Amino acid sequence: MIKIATIIFLFCLAVPWVSLQAQDSLRVDDVPLRVQLDGLDSVSRIAYLRYLVGTGRDEAEVYFQLGVAFHDSDMPDSAEYYYRRAVDSSPELSKAHVNLGVL
């Protein structure tokens, strides 16, 4: 009888933890873009960022990161295009202006 009570007690402890985990799970949008891209090579970054643009996430930071990925891939024309899109989306994004000057 004690074993059944112990099992029920442990089960009752686990249920709130499991439901807490389900509620606290992170969405991709909650993770900063820089962290999402960390560890990816240039080709993978380009593919992922183009996917984000295709799903409607057309914000300046996505365009800027596309510019960086193309810059890292020695594709200056594409890098310039995306840096300019970043500047058009957010003129105050100084790092895009700087990277345009570096090209």
C-alpha atoms as a PDB file:
ATOM      1  CA  MET A   1       0.000   0.000   0.000  1.00  0.00           C
ATOM      2  CA  ILE A   2       2.856   2.368   0.711  1.00  0.00           C
ATOM      3  CA  LYS A   3       4.277   1.802  -2.755  1.00  0.00           C
ATOM      4  CA  ILE A   4       1.016   2.882  -4.419  1.00  0.00           C
ATOM      5  CA  ALA A   5       0.875   6.004  -2.270  1.00  0.00           C
ATOM      6  CA  THR A   6       4.466   6.815  -3.200  1.00  0.00           C
ATOM      7  CA  ILE A   7       3.729   6.398  -6.893  1.00  0.00           C
ATOM      8  CA  ILE A   8       0.657   8.629  -6.659  1.00  0.00           C
ATOM      9  CA  PHE A   9       2.638  11.241  -4.732  1.00  0.00           C
ATOM     10  CA  LEU A  10       5.421  11.280  -7.336  1.00  0.00           C
ATOM     11  CA  PHE A  11       2.883  11.441 -10.150  1.00  0.00           C
ATOM     12  CA  CYS A  12       1.219  14.459  -8.541  1.00  0.00           C
ATOM     13  CA  LEU A  13       4.591  16.168  -8.312  1.00  0.00           C
ATOM     14  CA  ALA A  14       5.378  15.490 -11.969  1.00  0.00           C
ATOM     15  CA  VAL A  15       2.098  16.679 -13.495  1.00  0.00           C
ATOM     16  CA  PRO A  16       2.529  20.400 -12.662  1.00  0.00           C
ATOM     17  CA  TRP A  17       6.127  20.266 -13.908  1.00  0.00           C
ATOM     18  CA  VAL A  18       5.068  18.764 -17.245  1.00  0.00           C
ATOM     19  CA  SER A  19       2.331  21.342 -17.775  1.00  0.00           C
ATOM     20  CA  LEU A  20       4.757  24.116 -16.798  1.00  0.00           C
ATOM     21  CA  GLN A  21       7.199  22.943 -19.418  1.00  0.00           C
ATOM     22  CA  ALA A  22       4.525  22.972 -22.094  1.00  0.00           C
ATOM     23  CA  GLN A  23       3.589  26.565 -21.250  1.00  0.00           C
ATOM     24  CA  ASP A  24       7.175  27.799 -20.961  1.00  0.00           C
ATOM     25  CA  SER A  25       8.423  26.448 -24.274  1.00  0.00           C
ATOM     26  CA  LEU A  26      10.184  28.994 -26.457  1.00  0.00           C
ATOM     27  CA  ARG A  27       9.005  29.950 -29.891  1.00  0.00           C
ATOM     28  CA  VAL A  28      11.534  30.704 -32.612  1.00  0.00           C
ATOM     29  CA  ASP A  29      10.396  34.338 -32.635  1.00  0.00           C
ATOM     30  CA  ASP A  30      11.386  34.625 -28.955  1.00  0.00           C
ATOM     31  CA  VAL A  31      15.025  33.783 -29.697  1.00  0.00           C
ATOM     32  CA  PRO A  32      17.162  36.667 -31.031  1.00  0.00           C
ATOM     33  CA  LEU A  33      18.022  36.268 -34.700  1.00  0.00           C
ATOM     34  CA  ARG A  34      21.749  36.405 -34.004  1.00  0.00           C
ATOM     35  CA  VAL A  35      21.411  33.386 -31.683  1.00  0.00           C
ATOM     36  CA  GLN A  36      19.377  31.484 -34.289  1.00  0.00           C
ATOM     37  CA  LEU A  37      22.163  31.992 -36.829  1.00  0.00           C
ATOM     38  CA  ASP A  38      25.039  31.168 -34.502  1.00  0.00           C
ATOM     39  CA  GLY A  39      27.050  28.204 -35.726  1.00  0.00           C
ATOM     40  CA  LEU A  40      25.568  28.123 -39.242  1.00  0.00           C
ATOM     41  CA  ASP A  41      27.794  28.425 -42.288  1.00  0.00           C
ATOM     42  CA  SER A  42      27.085  31.160 -44.848  1.00  0.00           C
ATOM     43  CA  VAL A  43      25.060  28.947 -47.181  1.00  0.00           C
ATOM     44  CA  SER A  44      22.839  27.720 -44.330  1.00  0.00           C
ATOM     45  CA  ARG A  45      22.390  31.267 -43.014  1.00  0.00           C
ATOM     46  CA  ILE A  46      21.323  32.472 -46.460  1.00  0.00           C
ATOM     47  CA  ALA A  47      18.825  29.633 -46.846  1.00  0.00           C
ATOM     48  CA  TYR A  48      17.352  30.179 -43.368  1.00  0.00           C
ATOM     49  CA  LEU A  49      17.137  33.956 -43.759  1.00  0.00           C
ATOM     50  CA  ARG A  50      15.465  33.640 -47.163  1.00  0.00           C
ATOM     51  CA  TYR A  51      12.996  31.264 -45.557  1.00  0.00           C
ATOM     52  CA  LEU A  52      12.253  33.916 -42.901  1.00  0.00           C
ATOM     53  CA  VAL A  53      11.668  36.560 -45.585  1.00  0.00           C
ATOM     54  CA  GLY A  54       9.381  34.140 -47.426  1.00  0.00           C
ATOM     55  CA  THR A  55       7.308  33.608 -44.292  1.00  0.00           C
ATOM     56  CA  GLY A  56       6.715  37.332 -43.905  1.00  0.00           C
ATOM     57  CA  ARG A  57       9.490  38.233 -41.501  1.00  0.00           C
ATOM     58  CA  ASP A  58      10.808  41.016 -43.685  1.00  0.00           C
ATOM     59  CA  GLU A  59      12.417  43.196 -41.075  1.00  0.00           C
ATOM     60  CA  ALA A  60      15.621  45.201 -41.305  1.00  0.00           C
ATOM     61  CA  GLU A  61      17.657  42.826 -39.130  1.00  0.00           C
ATOM     62  CA  VAL A  62      16.837  39.881 -41.412  1.00  0.00           C
ATOM     63  CA  TYR A  63      17.952  41.866 -44.467  1.00  0.00           C
ATOM     64  CA  PHE A  64      21.080  43.012 -42.652  1.00  0.00           C
ATOM     65  CA  GLN A  65      21.990  39.440 -41.705  1.00  0.00           C
ATOM     66  CA  LEU A  66      21.411  38.373 -45.320  1.00  0.00           C
ATOM     67  CA  GLY A  67      23.862  41.083 -46.356  1.00  0.00           C
ATOM     68  CA  VAL A  68      26.408  39.785 -43.849  1.00  0.00           C
ATOM     69  CA  ALA A  69      25.956  36.201 -45.068  1.00  0.00           C
ATOM     70  CA  PHE A  70      26.440  37.218 -48.696  1.00  0.00           C
ATOM     71  CA  HIS A  71      29.410  39.389 -47.720  1.00  0.00           C
ATOM     72  CA  ASP A  72      30.960  36.377 -45.958  1.00  0.00           C
ATOM     73  CA  SER A  73      30.339  34.322 -49.117  1.00  0.00           C
ATOM     74  CA  ASP A  74      32.265  36.840 -51.283  1.00  0.00           C
ATOM     75  CA  MET A  75      29.120  37.930 -53.104  1.00  0.00           C
ATOM     76  CA  PRO A  76      29.347  41.736 -52.779  1.00  0.00           C
ATOM     77  CA  ASP A  77      26.521  42.549 -55.220  1.00  0.00           C
ATOM     78  CA  SER A  78      24.016  40.486 -53.238  1.00  0.00           C
ATOM     79  CA  ALA A  79      25.417  41.825 -49.964  1.00  0.00           C
ATOM     80  CA  GLU A  80      24.912  45.393 -51.166  1.00  0.00           C
ATOM     81  CA  TYR A  81      21.356  44.642 -52.255  1.00  0.00           C
ATOM     82  CA  TYR A  82      20.390  43.316 -48.818  1.00  0.00           C
ATOM     83  CA  TYR A  83      22.239  46.036 -46.907  1.00  0.00           C
ATOM     84  CA  ARG A  84      20.278  48.575 -48.940  1.00  0.00           C
ATOM     85  CA  ARG A  85      16.995  46.758 -48.183  1.00  0.00           C
ATOM     86  CA  ALA A  86      17.917  46.876 -44.499  1.00  0.00           C
ATOM     87  CA  VAL A  87      18.552  50.626 -44.728  1.00  0.00           C
ATOM     88  CA  ASP A  88      15.282  51.139 -46.615  1.00  0.00           C
ATOM     89  CA  SER A  89      13.401  49.219 -43.913  1.00  0.00           C
ATOM     90  CA  SER A  90      15.146  50.955 -41.046  1.00  0.00           C
ATOM     91  CA  PRO A  91      17.196  54.059 -41.934  1.00  0.00           C
ATOM     92  CA  GLU A  92      18.551  54.289 -38.375  1.00  0.00           C
ATOM     93  CA  LEU A  93      20.249  50.863 -38.634  1.00  0.00           C
ATOM     94  CA  SER A  94      23.792  52.227 -38.527  1.00  0.00           C
ATOM     95  CA  LYS A  95      25.532  48.865 -38.886  1.00  0.00           C
ATOM     96  CA  ALA A  96      23.969  48.467 -42.350  1.00  0.00           C
ATOM     97  CA  HIS A  97      25.307  51.894 -43.351  1.00  0.00           C
ATOM     98  CA  VAL A  98      28.758  50.937 -42.066  1.00  0.00           C
ATOM     99  CA  ASN A  99      28.792  47.639 -43.931  1.00  0.00           C
ATOM    100  CA  LEU A 100      27.724  49.394 -47.130  1.00  0.00           C
ATOM    101  CA  GLY A 101      30.733  51.677 -46.720  1.00  0.00           C
ATOM    102  CA  VAL A 102      33.019  48.684 -46.210  1.00  0.00           C
ATOM    103  CA  LEU A 103      31.943  47.110 -49.518  1.00  0.00           C
END
